[in-house]
Every structure is written in C-alpha cells, then in structure tokens.
C-alpha cells in the first residue's frame, strides 16, 4: 500500500536522524585527524581511514534504504537532490548536518525561533561548517603542491573566509584542480549564504520598525 510505504519512509527517517548526525560528526572528525596530524602511526592512520569509510558507508546505506522505501523513486531523487549530493560528495555533508539538527530540534517541545532568526542561525552554521570542511580539503591538496601559496591550515582558513564572504583578497589561491573546483563551489555557496543572512536581518529590522511604529 502507498500509505504504508510513506509511513515506513517517515518512520525510517525519524529513527535514522540521530545516527546520521553522529556519523556526520565522526566523518568530519576522522577526516580532520587524518589531515591535521600527518605524523600518525600506520595503525592509527588505518583506524581513522576506516572510520571515514565506514561513516561514509552509513550515508550511502541510509540513502539507498530511503530510496527503497519511497513510493516513486524518480520523484524521490528529484525532490531530495541535496541528500544525493551530500552522499556522493562528503565535503557537503555539513549541509545535511544542519538539516538533521533542525529536524531534531523540531521534535522537541518548546518555543521556536522566528523565521529570520532560523535563517540567520542555520546559514551561519552552514557557512562555518562548510568553510571548515573546505579548508581541510584545500589544505590537504595544496600543502605539497608546487608553487602553492596555501602551506598551512591557517592559510586555508583565511582563504575559505575570504571566499565565503566573497571578498577575495587574492593573497591565498588554490593551484590544484580539485582546489579550484572547491573554490568555485564555495564562491556560489558564499553568495547564497551571505544573501540569506543579510536579507533575513533586513527583514527582521523592517518587521521590528513596523511593530514599533504601529505601537
């Protein structure tokens, strides 16, 4: 029955949310350790590498399970395109972490934030997490590349901050192919996130001014 499949899909998503959130944290932690601690012993390097692969496997298995539960698989792929992107490209996993955190908060009883506050909060968190993930990946590729000017993790963080805010000082730029692809993606994401924060803050100010003028 279609209703049963929809109910099973919703129940699966509800039960999987905490485990996916934990898997996302483990993935980002294991990748961080592998990148920022180059002197790991072979045993620890294999351990953290295995944890990265296993957590990524959890993402893939969970997506395939939801695809199997869905009534219309093609409609599921088209409407859940973000889930597919973060499954194929773990670098974008922070976007899914924000979505999972929001769903978990909605399950709790209590007053919620206003629309403007939610947009600013989640856009800010998404920018921080994506900037951190992009810094790790670019630093991993650039630190040993010839003629690269991103040699430390601090350089990578500075580059990510200037790229996300669309400032683009040009003092730190990636030279590797994957680093440049990440830079292009981060530019588009930065425009969207900055626009969302500025637009929400402007709407908040306008609403407050309107309320004060009415009173």
N, C-alpha and C. Protein backbone atom coordinates (compact mmCIF):
# COMPACT_ATOMS: atom_id res chain seq x y z
N UNK A 1 0.84 -1.19 0.00
CA UNK A 1 0.00 0.00 0.00
C UNK A 1 0.89 1.26 0.00
N UNK A 2 0.51 2.29 -0.83
CA UNK A 2 1.31 3.51 -0.85
C UNK A 2 1.41 4.19 0.51
N UNK A 3 0.28 4.15 1.25
CA UNK A 3 0.30 4.80 2.56
C UNK A 3 1.31 4.12 3.48
N UNK A 4 1.34 2.78 3.39
CA UNK A 4 2.28 2.05 4.23
C UNK A 4 3.72 2.38 3.87
N UNK A 5 4.01 2.52 2.58
CA UNK A 5 5.37 2.85 2.16
C UNK A 5 5.75 4.25 2.64
N UNK A 6 4.82 5.19 2.54
CA UNK A 6 5.11 6.54 3.02
C UNK A 6 5.32 6.55 4.54
N UNK A 7 4.51 5.79 5.25
CA UNK A 7 4.65 5.73 6.70
C UNK A 7 5.98 5.09 7.09
N UNK A 8 6.36 4.05 6.38
CA UNK A 8 7.64 3.40 6.66
C UNK A 8 8.81 4.32 6.37
N UNK A 9 8.70 5.11 5.29
CA UNK A 9 9.75 6.05 4.96
C UNK A 9 9.89 7.11 6.04
N UNK A 10 8.77 7.66 6.50
CA UNK A 10 8.81 8.68 7.55
C UNK A 10 9.36 8.11 8.85
N UNK A 11 8.95 6.89 9.17
CA UNK A 11 9.45 6.27 10.41
C UNK A 11 10.94 6.00 10.31
N UNK A 12 11.40 5.55 9.13
CA UNK A 12 12.83 5.30 8.95
C UNK A 12 13.62 6.60 9.10
N UNK A 13 13.15 7.68 8.48
CA UNK A 13 13.85 8.95 8.57
C UNK A 13 13.89 9.46 10.01
N UNK A 14 12.80 9.27 10.73
CA UNK A 14 12.76 9.72 12.12
C UNK A 14 13.75 8.95 12.98
N UNK A 15 13.81 7.65 12.80
CA UNK A 15 14.71 6.84 13.61
C UNK A 15 16.17 7.02 13.22
N UNK A 16 16.44 7.33 11.96
CA UNK A 16 17.82 7.41 11.48
C UNK A 16 18.48 8.74 11.77
N UNK A 17 17.71 9.77 12.10
CA UNK A 17 18.27 11.11 12.27
C UNK A 17 19.39 11.18 13.30
N UNK A 18 19.22 10.66 14.53
CA UNK A 18 20.34 10.76 15.49
C UNK A 18 21.59 10.02 15.04
N UNK A 19 21.42 8.86 14.40
CA UNK A 19 22.57 8.08 13.97
C UNK A 19 23.31 8.77 12.81
N UNK A 20 22.56 9.41 11.92
CA UNK A 20 23.19 10.14 10.83
C UNK A 20 23.95 11.36 11.35
N UNK A 21 23.40 12.00 12.36
CA UNK A 21 24.09 13.15 12.94
C UNK A 21 25.42 12.70 13.57
N UNK A 22 25.39 11.56 14.27
CA UNK A 22 26.62 11.04 14.87
C UNK A 22 27.61 10.63 13.79
N UNK A 23 27.13 9.98 12.73
CA UNK A 23 28.01 9.56 11.64
C UNK A 23 28.63 10.77 10.94
N UNK A 24 27.88 11.86 10.82
CA UNK A 24 28.43 13.07 10.21
C UNK A 24 29.56 13.65 11.04
N UNK A 25 29.37 13.67 12.36
CA UNK A 25 30.42 14.17 13.25
C UNK A 25 31.65 13.27 13.19
N UNK A 26 31.44 11.96 13.16
CA UNK A 26 32.57 11.03 13.09
C UNK A 26 33.33 11.19 11.77
N UNK A 27 32.60 11.39 10.69
CA UNK A 27 33.25 11.57 9.39
C UNK A 27 34.13 12.82 9.39
N UNK A 28 33.58 13.93 9.88
CA UNK A 28 34.34 15.17 9.89
C UNK A 28 35.52 15.09 10.86
N UNK A 29 35.32 14.40 11.99
CA UNK A 29 36.41 14.25 12.96
C UNK A 29 37.54 13.39 12.41
N UNK A 30 37.19 12.26 11.80
CA UNK A 30 38.21 11.37 11.27
C UNK A 30 38.98 12.02 10.13
N UNK A 31 38.27 12.76 9.29
CA UNK A 31 38.96 13.45 8.19
C UNK A 31 39.87 14.55 8.74
N UNK A 32 39.42 15.23 9.78
CA UNK A 32 40.23 16.28 10.40
C UNK A 32 41.53 15.70 10.96
N UNK A 33 41.43 14.58 11.66
CA UNK A 33 42.62 13.97 12.25
C UNK A 33 43.60 13.55 11.16
N UNK A 34 43.10 12.96 10.09
CA UNK A 34 43.99 12.49 9.02
C UNK A 34 44.70 13.64 8.31
N UNK A 35 44.04 14.79 8.22
CA UNK A 35 44.64 15.93 7.51
C UNK A 35 45.56 16.73 8.41
N UNK A 36 45.15 17.00 9.65
CA UNK A 36 45.89 17.91 10.51
C UNK A 36 47.00 17.23 11.31
N UNK A 37 46.99 15.90 11.37
CA UNK A 37 48.04 15.19 12.11
C UNK A 37 48.75 14.25 11.12
N UNK A 38 49.70 14.78 10.36
CA UNK A 38 50.36 13.95 9.34
C UNK A 38 51.27 12.89 9.91
N UNK A 39 51.69 13.02 11.18
CA UNK A 39 52.63 12.07 11.75
C UNK A 39 51.98 10.88 12.43
N UNK A 40 50.77 10.52 12.03
CA UNK A 40 50.10 9.37 12.64
C UNK A 40 50.85 8.08 12.35
N UNK A 41 50.82 7.19 13.30
CA UNK A 41 51.40 5.87 13.08
C UNK A 41 50.54 5.11 12.07
N UNK A 42 51.11 4.10 11.40
CA UNK A 42 50.33 3.35 10.41
C UNK A 42 49.03 2.77 10.97
N UNK A 43 49.10 2.29 12.21
CA UNK A 43 47.89 1.71 12.80
C UNK A 43 46.79 2.73 13.00
N UNK A 44 47.16 3.90 13.55
CA UNK A 44 46.15 4.95 13.76
C UNK A 44 45.65 5.51 12.43
N UNK A 45 46.53 5.61 11.44
CA UNK A 45 46.11 6.11 10.14
C UNK A 45 45.07 5.18 9.52
N UNK A 46 45.30 3.88 9.65
CA UNK A 46 44.32 2.91 9.13
C UNK A 46 43.01 3.00 9.91
N UNK A 47 43.11 3.19 11.23
CA UNK A 47 41.91 3.28 12.06
C UNK A 47 41.04 4.47 11.63
N UNK A 48 41.66 5.66 11.54
CA UNK A 48 40.89 6.84 11.17
C UNK A 48 40.40 6.76 9.73
N UNK A 49 41.21 6.16 8.85
CA UNK A 49 40.75 5.97 7.48
C UNK A 49 39.57 5.03 7.39
N UNK A 50 39.61 3.96 8.18
CA UNK A 50 38.49 3.03 8.21
C UNK A 50 37.23 3.70 8.75
N UNK A 51 37.39 4.53 9.79
CA UNK A 51 36.25 5.26 10.34
C UNK A 51 35.64 6.21 9.31
N UNK A 52 36.49 6.83 8.51
CA UNK A 52 35.98 7.70 7.44
C UNK A 52 35.16 6.92 6.43
N UNK A 53 35.68 5.77 6.00
CA UNK A 53 34.99 4.96 5.01
C UNK A 53 33.69 4.39 5.57
N UNK A 54 33.73 3.92 6.83
CA UNK A 54 32.53 3.33 7.43
C UNK A 54 31.43 4.38 7.59
N UNK A 55 31.79 5.57 8.07
CA UNK A 55 30.78 6.62 8.22
C UNK A 55 30.21 7.04 6.87
N UNK A 56 31.04 7.08 5.85
CA UNK A 56 30.54 7.37 4.50
C UNK A 56 29.61 6.25 4.04
N UNK A 57 29.96 5.00 4.36
CA UNK A 57 29.10 3.88 4.02
C UNK A 57 27.74 3.96 4.69
N UNK A 58 27.70 4.53 5.91
CA UNK A 58 26.41 4.72 6.59
C UNK A 58 25.54 5.68 5.80
N UNK A 59 26.13 6.76 5.27
CA UNK A 59 25.37 7.72 4.46
C UNK A 59 24.78 7.04 3.23
N UNK A 60 25.61 6.24 2.55
CA UNK A 60 25.16 5.58 1.32
C UNK A 60 24.05 4.57 1.62
N UNK A 61 24.24 3.77 2.67
CA UNK A 61 23.25 2.76 3.02
C UNK A 61 21.93 3.40 3.43
N UNK A 62 21.99 4.49 4.17
CA UNK A 62 20.77 5.17 4.61
C UNK A 62 20.02 5.76 3.42
N UNK A 63 20.76 6.34 2.47
CA UNK A 63 20.11 6.91 1.29
C UNK A 63 19.45 5.81 0.44
N UNK A 64 20.15 4.70 0.26
CA UNK A 64 19.58 3.59 -0.51
C UNK A 64 18.36 3.00 0.17
N UNK A 65 18.36 2.97 1.49
CA UNK A 65 17.20 2.46 2.22
C UNK A 65 16.00 3.37 2.02
N UNK A 66 16.21 4.67 2.11
CA UNK A 66 15.10 5.60 1.89
C UNK A 66 14.61 5.54 0.45
N UNK A 67 15.54 5.33 -0.48
CA UNK A 67 15.14 5.17 -1.88
C UNK A 67 14.29 3.94 -2.08
N UNK A 68 14.61 2.85 -1.37
CA UNK A 68 13.82 1.62 -1.47
C UNK A 68 12.44 1.77 -0.84
N UNK A 69 12.34 2.54 0.23
CA UNK A 69 11.06 2.76 0.90
C UNK A 69 10.15 3.71 0.14
N UNK A 70 10.71 4.57 -0.71
CA UNK A 70 9.91 5.59 -1.37
C UNK A 70 8.96 4.97 -2.38
N UNK A 71 7.82 5.62 -2.55
CA UNK A 71 6.80 5.13 -3.48
C UNK A 71 7.20 5.40 -4.92
N UNK A 72 7.72 6.59 -5.19
CA UNK A 72 8.16 6.98 -6.53
C UNK A 72 9.64 7.33 -6.44
N UNK A 73 10.49 6.42 -6.88
CA UNK A 73 11.92 6.60 -6.69
C UNK A 73 12.47 7.78 -7.49
N UNK A 74 11.99 7.99 -8.70
CA UNK A 74 12.47 9.11 -9.50
C UNK A 74 12.06 10.44 -8.87
N UNK A 75 10.84 10.50 -8.33
CA UNK A 75 10.39 11.70 -7.64
C UNK A 75 11.23 11.93 -6.38
N UNK A 76 11.59 10.86 -5.70
CA UNK A 76 12.43 10.97 -4.50
C UNK A 76 13.79 11.55 -4.87
N UNK A 77 14.40 11.08 -5.95
CA UNK A 77 15.72 11.57 -6.36
C UNK A 77 15.64 13.04 -6.75
N UNK A 78 14.57 13.43 -7.45
CA UNK A 78 14.45 14.82 -7.90
C UNK A 78 14.19 15.78 -6.75
N UNK A 79 13.36 15.36 -5.80
CA UNK A 79 13.00 16.26 -4.70
C UNK A 79 14.01 16.22 -3.55
N UNK A 80 14.78 15.16 -3.46
CA UNK A 80 15.79 15.05 -2.40
C UNK A 80 17.19 15.15 -3.00
N UNK A 81 17.38 16.12 -3.88
CA UNK A 81 18.66 16.24 -4.57
C UNK A 81 19.79 16.59 -3.61
N UNK A 82 19.47 17.32 -2.54
CA UNK A 82 20.52 17.65 -1.58
C UNK A 82 21.04 16.40 -0.88
N UNK A 83 20.15 15.48 -0.56
CA UNK A 83 20.58 14.23 0.07
C UNK A 83 21.52 13.45 -0.84
N UNK A 84 21.22 13.44 -2.15
CA UNK A 84 22.08 12.73 -3.09
C UNK A 84 23.45 13.41 -3.20
N UNK A 85 23.45 14.74 -3.23
CA UNK A 85 24.71 15.47 -3.35
C UNK A 85 25.62 15.21 -2.15
N UNK A 86 25.07 15.28 -0.94
CA UNK A 86 25.90 15.10 0.24
C UNK A 86 26.30 13.64 0.43
N UNK A 87 25.60 12.72 -0.22
CA UNK A 87 26.00 11.31 -0.17
C UNK A 87 27.17 11.05 -1.11
N UNK A 88 27.12 11.64 -2.31
CA UNK A 88 28.18 11.45 -3.28
C UNK A 88 29.41 12.30 -2.92
N UNK A 89 29.17 13.52 -2.44
CA UNK A 89 30.26 14.44 -2.10
C UNK A 89 30.25 14.70 -0.59
N UNK A 90 31.02 13.96 0.17
CA UNK A 90 31.01 14.14 1.63
C UNK A 90 31.44 15.52 2.08
N UNK A 91 32.14 16.27 1.21
CA UNK A 91 32.52 17.62 1.58
C UNK A 91 31.30 18.47 1.90
N UNK A 92 30.17 18.18 1.28
CA UNK A 92 28.94 18.95 1.51
C UNK A 92 28.13 18.40 2.66
N UNK A 93 28.66 17.44 3.38
CA UNK A 93 27.92 16.82 4.48
C UNK A 93 27.47 17.83 5.55
N UNK A 94 28.20 18.90 5.83
CA UNK A 94 27.69 19.87 6.80
C UNK A 94 26.32 20.42 6.48
N UNK A 95 25.96 20.53 5.20
CA UNK A 95 24.61 20.98 4.86
C UNK A 95 23.58 20.01 5.39
N UNK A 96 23.84 18.73 5.28
CA UNK A 96 22.92 17.72 5.80
C UNK A 96 22.90 17.73 7.32
N UNK A 97 24.05 18.02 7.95
CA UNK A 97 24.09 18.09 9.41
C UNK A 97 23.17 19.20 9.92
N UNK A 98 23.14 20.34 9.22
CA UNK A 98 22.26 21.43 9.61
C UNK A 98 20.81 21.00 9.49
N UNK A 99 20.47 20.32 8.41
CA UNK A 99 19.09 19.87 8.21
C UNK A 99 18.69 18.86 9.27
N UNK A 100 19.59 17.93 9.60
CA UNK A 100 19.29 16.94 10.62
C UNK A 100 19.12 17.59 11.98
N UNK A 101 19.97 18.58 12.29
CA UNK A 101 19.86 19.26 13.57
C UNK A 101 18.53 20.00 13.69
N UNK A 102 18.09 20.61 12.59
CA UNK A 102 16.82 21.33 12.62
C UNK A 102 15.66 20.37 12.85
N UNK A 103 15.68 19.22 12.19
CA UNK A 103 14.60 18.25 12.37
C UNK A 103 14.57 17.70 13.79
N UNK A 104 15.74 17.49 14.37
CA UNK A 104 15.78 17.00 15.75
C UNK A 104 15.25 18.05 16.71
N UNK A 105 15.52 19.34 16.43
CA UNK A 105 15.01 20.41 17.30
C UNK A 105 13.50 20.53 17.18
N UNK A 106 12.96 20.30 15.98
CA UNK A 106 11.52 20.41 15.80
C UNK A 106 10.76 19.33 16.57
N UNK A 107 11.43 18.22 16.88
CA UNK A 107 10.78 17.14 17.63
C UNK A 107 10.62 17.49 19.10
N UNK A 108 11.35 18.49 19.58
CA UNK A 108 11.31 18.86 20.99
C UNK A 108 10.22 19.91 21.21
N UNK A 109 9.58 19.81 22.34
CA UNK A 109 8.55 20.79 22.68
C UNK A 109 9.20 22.06 23.19
N UNK A 110 8.62 23.19 22.85
CA UNK A 110 9.16 24.45 23.33
C UNK A 110 9.02 25.51 22.28
N UNK A 111 9.18 26.77 22.65
CA UNK A 111 9.04 27.86 21.68
C UNK A 111 10.14 27.82 20.64
N UNK A 112 9.79 28.11 19.41
CA UNK A 112 10.75 28.09 18.34
C UNK A 112 11.25 29.48 18.00
N UNK A 113 12.29 29.53 17.18
CA UNK A 113 12.82 30.80 16.76
C UNK A 113 11.97 31.39 15.65
N UNK A 114 12.07 32.68 15.46
CA UNK A 114 11.39 33.31 14.35
C UNK A 114 12.04 32.87 13.04
N UNK A 115 11.33 33.12 11.94
CA UNK A 115 11.85 32.70 10.64
C UNK A 115 13.18 33.38 10.35
N UNK A 116 13.27 34.68 10.62
CA UNK A 116 14.52 35.39 10.35
C UNK A 116 15.67 34.84 11.20
N UNK A 117 15.40 34.57 12.47
CA UNK A 117 16.44 34.04 13.35
C UNK A 117 16.89 32.66 12.90
N UNK A 118 15.95 31.83 12.46
CA UNK A 118 16.31 30.49 11.99
C UNK A 118 17.18 30.56 10.75
N UNK A 119 16.81 31.44 9.81
CA UNK A 119 17.61 31.57 8.59
C UNK A 119 19.02 32.05 8.91
N UNK A 120 19.13 33.07 9.76
CA UNK A 120 20.46 33.58 10.11
C UNK A 120 21.27 32.54 10.87
N UNK A 121 20.63 31.81 11.78
CA UNK A 121 21.34 30.81 12.58
C UNK A 121 21.86 29.68 11.73
N UNK A 122 20.99 29.09 10.93
CA UNK A 122 21.40 27.93 10.13
C UNK A 122 22.30 28.32 8.97
N UNK A 123 22.12 29.52 8.42
CA UNK A 123 23.04 29.98 7.38
C UNK A 123 24.43 30.20 7.97
N UNK A 124 24.49 30.76 9.17
CA UNK A 124 25.78 30.95 9.81
C UNK A 124 26.47 29.64 10.14
N UNK A 125 25.71 28.67 10.67
CA UNK A 125 26.29 27.37 10.97
C UNK A 125 26.76 26.66 9.70
N UNK A 126 25.95 26.75 8.64
CA UNK A 126 26.34 26.13 7.38
C UNK A 126 27.61 26.75 6.83
N UNK A 127 27.74 28.08 6.95
CA UNK A 127 28.95 28.75 6.47
C UNK A 127 30.17 28.30 7.26
N UNK A 128 30.04 28.21 8.58
CA UNK A 128 31.17 27.79 9.41
C UNK A 128 31.61 26.36 9.09
N UNK A 129 30.63 25.45 9.02
CA UNK A 129 30.97 24.05 8.78
C UNK A 129 31.51 23.82 7.37
N UNK A 130 30.89 24.45 6.38
CA UNK A 130 31.37 24.29 5.01
C UNK A 130 32.74 24.93 4.84
N UNK A 131 32.93 26.08 5.46
CA UNK A 131 34.24 26.72 5.39
C UNK A 131 35.33 25.87 6.02
N UNK A 132 34.99 25.24 7.15
CA UNK A 132 35.95 24.36 7.82
C UNK A 132 36.26 23.14 6.95
N UNK A 133 35.23 22.51 6.39
CA UNK A 133 35.45 21.34 5.54
C UNK A 133 36.23 21.70 4.29
N UNK A 134 35.92 22.84 3.69
CA UNK A 134 36.66 23.26 2.50
C UNK A 134 38.11 23.58 2.85
N UNK A 135 38.34 24.17 4.02
CA UNK A 135 39.71 24.46 4.45
C UNK A 135 40.53 23.18 4.59
N UNK A 136 39.92 22.16 5.17
CA UNK A 136 40.61 20.88 5.32
C UNK A 136 40.99 20.28 3.97
N UNK A 137 40.03 20.25 3.06
CA UNK A 137 40.28 19.62 1.76
C UNK A 137 41.30 20.39 0.95
N UNK A 138 41.19 21.72 0.92
CA UNK A 138 42.15 22.51 0.16
C UNK A 138 43.54 22.43 0.78
N UNK A 139 43.62 22.46 2.10
CA UNK A 139 44.92 22.32 2.75
C UNK A 139 45.55 20.97 2.45
N UNK A 140 44.74 19.92 2.43
CA UNK A 140 45.25 18.58 2.14
C UNK A 140 45.85 18.50 0.74
N UNK A 141 45.24 19.20 -0.23
CA UNK A 141 45.72 19.15 -1.61
C UNK A 141 46.83 20.15 -1.89
N UNK A 142 46.78 21.32 -1.24
CA UNK A 142 47.68 22.41 -1.60
C UNK A 142 49.02 22.39 -0.87
N UNK A 143 49.09 21.77 0.30
CA UNK A 143 50.29 21.92 1.12
C UNK A 143 51.54 21.34 0.48
N UNK A 144 51.37 20.37 -0.41
CA UNK A 144 52.54 19.77 -1.07
C UNK A 144 52.57 20.04 -2.56
N UNK A 145 51.70 20.91 -3.06
CA UNK A 145 51.65 21.20 -4.49
C UNK A 145 52.72 22.22 -4.86
N UNK A 146 53.34 22.07 -6.04
CA UNK A 146 54.34 23.05 -6.46
C UNK A 146 53.72 24.43 -6.69
N UNK A 147 54.44 25.46 -6.29
CA UNK A 147 54.04 26.86 -6.48
C UNK A 147 52.75 27.21 -5.71
N UNK A 148 52.40 26.44 -4.72
CA UNK A 148 51.20 26.74 -3.93
C UNK A 148 51.53 27.79 -2.87
N UNK A 149 50.54 28.65 -2.57
CA UNK A 149 50.73 29.65 -1.52
C UNK A 149 49.85 29.38 -0.31
N UNK A 150 49.21 28.22 -0.28
CA UNK A 150 48.46 27.76 0.89
C UNK A 150 49.27 26.62 1.50
N UNK A 151 50.09 26.95 2.49
CA UNK A 151 51.02 25.98 3.04
C UNK A 151 50.63 25.51 4.43
N UNK A 152 49.82 26.29 5.13
CA UNK A 152 49.40 25.93 6.49
C UNK A 152 47.88 25.89 6.55
N UNK A 153 47.37 25.28 7.63
CA UNK A 153 45.91 25.24 7.80
C UNK A 153 45.36 26.64 8.04
N UNK A 154 46.16 27.50 8.69
CA UNK A 154 45.73 28.88 8.87
C UNK A 154 45.54 29.60 7.54
N UNK A 155 46.46 29.34 6.58
CA UNK A 155 46.29 29.91 5.24
C UNK A 155 45.00 29.42 4.60
N UNK A 156 44.67 28.14 4.79
CA UNK A 156 43.46 27.58 4.21
C UNK A 156 42.21 28.19 4.83
N UNK A 157 42.24 28.40 6.16
CA UNK A 157 41.09 29.02 6.82
C UNK A 157 40.90 30.46 6.35
N UNK A 158 42.01 31.19 6.21
CA UNK A 158 41.93 32.57 5.71
C UNK A 158 41.36 32.60 4.30
N UNK A 159 41.81 31.67 3.45
CA UNK A 159 41.29 31.59 2.08
C UNK A 159 39.79 31.29 2.09
N UNK A 160 39.36 30.34 2.92
CA UNK A 160 37.95 29.98 2.96
C UNK A 160 37.09 31.14 3.45
N UNK A 161 37.58 31.87 4.45
CA UNK A 161 36.82 33.01 4.97
C UNK A 161 36.66 34.10 3.91
N UNK A 162 37.74 34.42 3.22
CA UNK A 162 37.66 35.46 2.19
C UNK A 162 36.82 35.01 1.00
N UNK A 163 36.80 33.71 0.72
CA UNK A 163 36.00 33.20 -0.39
C UNK A 163 34.52 33.16 -0.03
N UNK A 164 34.20 32.68 1.17
CA UNK A 164 32.80 32.61 1.59
C UNK A 164 32.16 33.98 1.66
N UNK A 165 32.91 34.96 2.11
CA UNK A 165 32.36 36.32 2.22
C UNK A 165 32.47 37.09 0.91
N UNK A 166 32.91 36.41 -0.15
CA UNK A 166 33.05 36.99 -1.50
C UNK A 166 33.99 38.18 -1.50
N UNK A 167 34.94 38.22 -0.54
CA UNK A 167 35.92 39.31 -0.51
C UNK A 167 37.02 39.09 -1.54
N UNK A 168 37.64 37.91 -1.49
CA UNK A 168 38.63 37.55 -2.49
C UNK A 168 39.84 38.46 -2.54
N UNK A 169 40.65 38.44 -1.47
CA UNK A 169 41.86 39.28 -1.46
C UNK A 169 42.88 38.84 -2.50
N UNK A 170 42.93 37.55 -2.79
CA UNK A 170 43.87 37.06 -3.80
C UNK A 170 45.23 36.71 -3.28
N UNK A 171 45.48 36.89 -1.96
CA UNK A 171 46.79 36.54 -1.42
C UNK A 171 46.94 35.04 -1.21
N UNK A 172 45.85 34.32 -1.12
CA UNK A 172 45.87 32.86 -0.98
C UNK A 172 44.89 32.28 -1.99
N UNK A 173 45.42 31.56 -2.94
CA UNK A 173 44.59 30.98 -4.00
C UNK A 173 45.01 29.54 -4.27
N UNK A 174 44.07 28.63 -4.47
CA UNK A 174 44.43 27.24 -4.78
C UNK A 174 44.99 27.11 -6.20
N UNK A 175 45.90 26.18 -6.37
CA UNK A 175 46.52 25.94 -7.69
C UNK A 175 46.20 24.55 -8.21
N UNK A 176 45.76 23.64 -7.36
CA UNK A 176 45.43 22.29 -7.81
C UNK A 176 44.04 22.26 -8.44
N UNK A 177 43.78 21.31 -9.35
CA UNK A 177 42.46 21.25 -9.99
C UNK A 177 41.31 21.08 -9.00
N UNK A 178 41.45 20.17 -8.04
CA UNK A 178 40.36 19.98 -7.09
C UNK A 178 40.20 21.20 -6.18
N UNK A 179 41.31 21.83 -5.82
CA UNK A 179 41.21 23.03 -5.01
C UNK A 179 40.46 24.14 -5.72
N UNK A 180 40.67 24.28 -7.02
CA UNK A 180 39.96 25.32 -7.76
C UNK A 180 38.48 24.98 -7.93
N UNK A 181 38.17 23.71 -8.11
CA UNK A 181 36.76 23.31 -8.18
C UNK A 181 36.05 23.63 -6.87
N UNK A 182 36.71 23.32 -5.75
CA UNK A 182 36.14 23.63 -4.44
C UNK A 182 35.96 25.14 -4.28
N UNK A 183 36.94 25.92 -4.78
CA UNK A 183 36.85 27.37 -4.67
C UNK A 183 35.64 27.90 -5.43
N UNK A 184 35.39 27.38 -6.62
CA UNK A 184 34.23 27.83 -7.40
C UNK A 184 32.93 27.50 -6.67
N UNK A 185 32.84 26.28 -6.14
CA UNK A 185 31.64 25.91 -5.40
C UNK A 185 31.44 26.77 -4.16
N UNK A 186 32.55 27.08 -3.47
CA UNK A 186 32.46 27.88 -2.26
C UNK A 186 32.05 29.32 -2.57
N UNK A 187 32.44 29.82 -3.74
CA UNK A 187 32.02 31.16 -4.15
C UNK A 187 30.50 31.24 -4.29
N UNK A 188 29.91 30.26 -4.99
CA UNK A 188 28.46 30.26 -5.18
C UNK A 188 27.74 30.09 -3.85
N UNK A 189 28.26 29.19 -3.00
CA UNK A 189 27.64 28.98 -1.69
C UNK A 189 27.75 30.24 -0.84
N UNK A 190 28.91 30.92 -0.92
CA UNK A 190 29.09 32.14 -0.15
C UNK A 190 28.10 33.22 -0.53
N UNK A 191 27.86 33.38 -1.83
CA UNK A 191 26.88 34.38 -2.28
C UNK A 191 25.50 34.06 -1.72
N UNK A 192 25.12 32.77 -1.77
CA UNK A 192 23.79 32.38 -1.28
C UNK A 192 23.67 32.59 0.22
N UNK A 193 24.69 32.18 0.98
CA UNK A 193 24.62 32.29 2.44
C UNK A 193 24.65 33.74 2.90
N UNK A 194 25.54 34.54 2.32
CA UNK A 194 25.60 35.95 2.70
C UNK A 194 24.30 36.65 2.35
N UNK A 195 23.75 36.33 1.17
CA UNK A 195 22.47 36.91 0.78
C UNK A 195 21.35 36.52 1.73
N UNK A 196 21.36 35.27 2.18
CA UNK A 196 20.31 34.82 3.10
C UNK A 196 20.41 35.53 4.44
N UNK A 197 21.63 35.67 4.96
CA UNK A 197 21.81 36.33 6.26
C UNK A 197 21.44 37.81 6.17
N UNK A 198 21.95 38.49 5.16
CA UNK A 198 21.66 39.92 5.01
C UNK A 198 20.18 40.16 4.78
N UNK A 199 19.57 39.34 3.90
CA UNK A 199 18.15 39.51 3.63
C UNK A 199 17.29 39.25 4.86
N UNK A 200 17.63 38.22 5.63
CA UNK A 200 16.86 37.91 6.84
C UNK A 200 17.02 38.99 7.89
N UNK A 201 18.25 39.51 8.03
CA UNK A 201 18.47 40.57 9.01
C UNK A 201 17.72 41.85 8.61
N UNK A 202 17.70 42.14 7.32
CA UNK A 202 16.95 43.31 6.86
C UNK A 202 15.46 43.14 7.10
N UNK A 203 14.94 41.92 6.84
CA UNK A 203 13.52 41.66 7.08
C UNK A 203 13.18 41.76 8.57
N UNK A 204 14.11 41.31 9.41
CA UNK A 204 13.90 41.41 10.86
C UNK A 204 13.83 42.87 11.31
N UNK A 205 14.75 43.68 10.80
CA UNK A 205 14.75 45.10 11.17
C UNK A 205 13.48 45.79 10.68
N UNK A 206 13.06 45.49 9.46
CA UNK A 206 11.85 46.09 8.93
C UNK A 206 10.63 45.70 9.76
N UNK A 207 10.57 44.45 10.18
CA UNK A 207 9.42 43.99 10.98
C UNK A 207 9.42 44.68 12.34
N UNK A 208 10.59 44.83 12.97
CA UNK A 208 10.65 45.49 14.26
C UNK A 208 10.28 46.96 14.15
N UNK A 209 10.78 47.64 13.12
CA UNK A 209 10.45 49.05 12.93
C UNK A 209 8.96 49.23 12.68
N UNK A 210 8.37 48.28 11.92
CA UNK A 210 6.93 48.37 11.65
C UNK A 210 6.13 48.18 12.93
N UNK A 211 6.56 47.22 13.76
CA UNK A 211 5.86 47.00 15.02
C UNK A 211 5.97 48.21 15.94
N UNK A 212 7.16 48.83 15.99
CA UNK A 212 7.33 50.00 16.86
C UNK A 212 6.51 51.19 16.37
N UNK A 213 6.43 51.34 15.04
CA UNK A 213 5.66 52.46 14.51
C UNK A 213 4.16 52.26 14.74
N UNK A 214 3.71 51.01 14.72
CA UNK A 214 2.29 50.74 14.96
C UNK A 214 1.89 50.93 16.41
N UNK A 215 2.86 50.67 17.34
CA UNK A 215 2.56 50.87 18.74
C UNK A 215 2.75 52.31 19.18
